[in-house]
């Protein structure tokens, strides 16, 4: 699935909330999200920038998908539709 090119960091944070991620801290322009759905905690950092670069978005989605034990494309479909 093709990833969105105009997704802002805060928008991604709100989309990841449906998978149990919550903002646990902010350092400068980066947000740290934590999820504890699978027993142990999982942390991921999301830049609080206007538009995320495609590589950055792909990397974040790969990390989250690995933690949730689903494919990255499946996660993208859940988050962005399609």
Protein backbone atom coordinates (compact mmCIF):
# COMPACT_ATOMS: atom_id res chain seq x y z
CA UNK A 1 0.00 0.00 0.00
CA UNK A 2 1.23 3.48 -0.84
CA UNK A 3 1.84 5.57 2.26
CA UNK A 4 0.36 9.08 2.56
CA UNK A 5 2.72 11.91 1.64
CA UNK A 6 1.00 14.63 3.67
CA UNK A 7 0.65 13.07 7.12
CA UNK A 8 1.76 15.22 10.05
CA UNK A 9 3.29 13.76 13.21
CA UNK A 10 0.36 14.73 15.48
CA UNK A 11 -2.07 13.10 13.03
CA UNK A 12 -0.10 9.85 13.20
CA UNK A 13 -0.16 10.02 17.00
CA UNK A 14 -3.95 10.27 17.01
CA UNK A 15 -4.21 7.34 14.57
CA UNK A 16 -1.93 5.18 16.72
CA UNK A 17 -4.10 5.79 19.78
CA UNK A 18 -6.55 3.16 18.52
CA UNK A 19 -3.74 0.62 18.98
CA UNK A 20 -3.18 1.62 22.60
CA UNK A 21 -0.36 4.14 22.11
CA UNK A 22 -0.33 7.22 24.32
CA UNK A 23 2.10 10.14 24.50
CA UNK A 24 4.32 9.61 27.52
CA UNK A 25 6.72 12.50 27.01
CA UNK A 26 7.93 15.16 24.64
CA UNK A 27 11.52 16.18 24.06
CA UNK A 28 11.85 19.17 21.78
CA UNK A 29 9.91 18.42 18.62
CA UNK A 30 9.66 14.66 19.19
CA UNK A 31 6.88 12.75 20.93
CA UNK A 32 7.45 9.44 22.66
CA UNK A 33 4.52 7.05 22.51
CA UNK A 34 4.14 3.99 24.70
CA UNK A 35 1.85 0.99 24.37
CA UNK A 36 1.40 -1.87 26.77
CA UNK A 37 -1.14 -3.97 24.88
CA UNK A 38 1.05 -7.04 24.44
CA UNK A 39 2.23 -7.42 28.03
CA UNK A 40 5.50 -5.49 27.81
CA UNK A 41 5.84 -1.83 27.00
CA UNK A 42 6.72 -0.70 23.50
CA UNK A 43 8.08 2.77 22.78
CA UNK A 44 8.15 4.60 19.47
CA UNK A 45 9.27 8.15 18.72
CA UNK A 46 7.25 10.33 16.35
CA UNK A 47 8.55 13.70 15.11
CA UNK A 48 6.11 16.53 15.75
CA UNK A 49 6.70 18.00 12.29
CA UNK A 50 4.36 19.33 9.63
CA UNK A 51 4.69 16.48 7.15
CA UNK A 52 6.55 13.27 7.93
CA UNK A 53 9.01 12.01 5.36
CA UNK A 54 7.92 8.78 3.73
CA UNK A 55 10.97 6.89 5.04
CA UNK A 56 10.32 8.09 8.58
CA UNK A 57 6.67 7.06 8.38
CA UNK A 58 7.60 3.67 6.92
CA UNK A 59 10.11 3.07 9.73
CA UNK A 60 7.58 3.95 12.45
CA UNK A 61 4.94 1.71 10.89
CA UNK A 62 7.43 -1.17 10.58
CA UNK A 63 8.26 -0.89 14.30
CA UNK A 64 4.61 -0.74 15.36
CA UNK A 65 3.63 -3.61 13.05
CA UNK A 66 6.42 -5.81 14.43
CA UNK A 67 5.23 -5.12 17.98
CA UNK A 68 1.61 -5.87 17.07
CA UNK A 69 2.73 -8.94 15.11
CA UNK A 70 0.95 -7.93 11.91
CA UNK A 71 2.21 -6.94 8.47
CA UNK A 72 3.09 -3.33 7.78
CA UNK A 73 0.65 -3.19 4.86
CA UNK A 74 -2.13 -4.52 7.11
CA UNK A 75 -1.35 -1.84 9.68
CA UNK A 76 -1.34 0.87 6.98
CA UNK A 77 -4.74 -0.32 5.74
CA UNK A 78 -6.11 -0.16 9.29
CA UNK A 79 -4.75 3.33 9.85
CA UNK A 80 -5.33 4.99 6.49
CA UNK A 81 -8.07 2.89 4.92
CA UNK A 82 -7.80 1.42 1.47
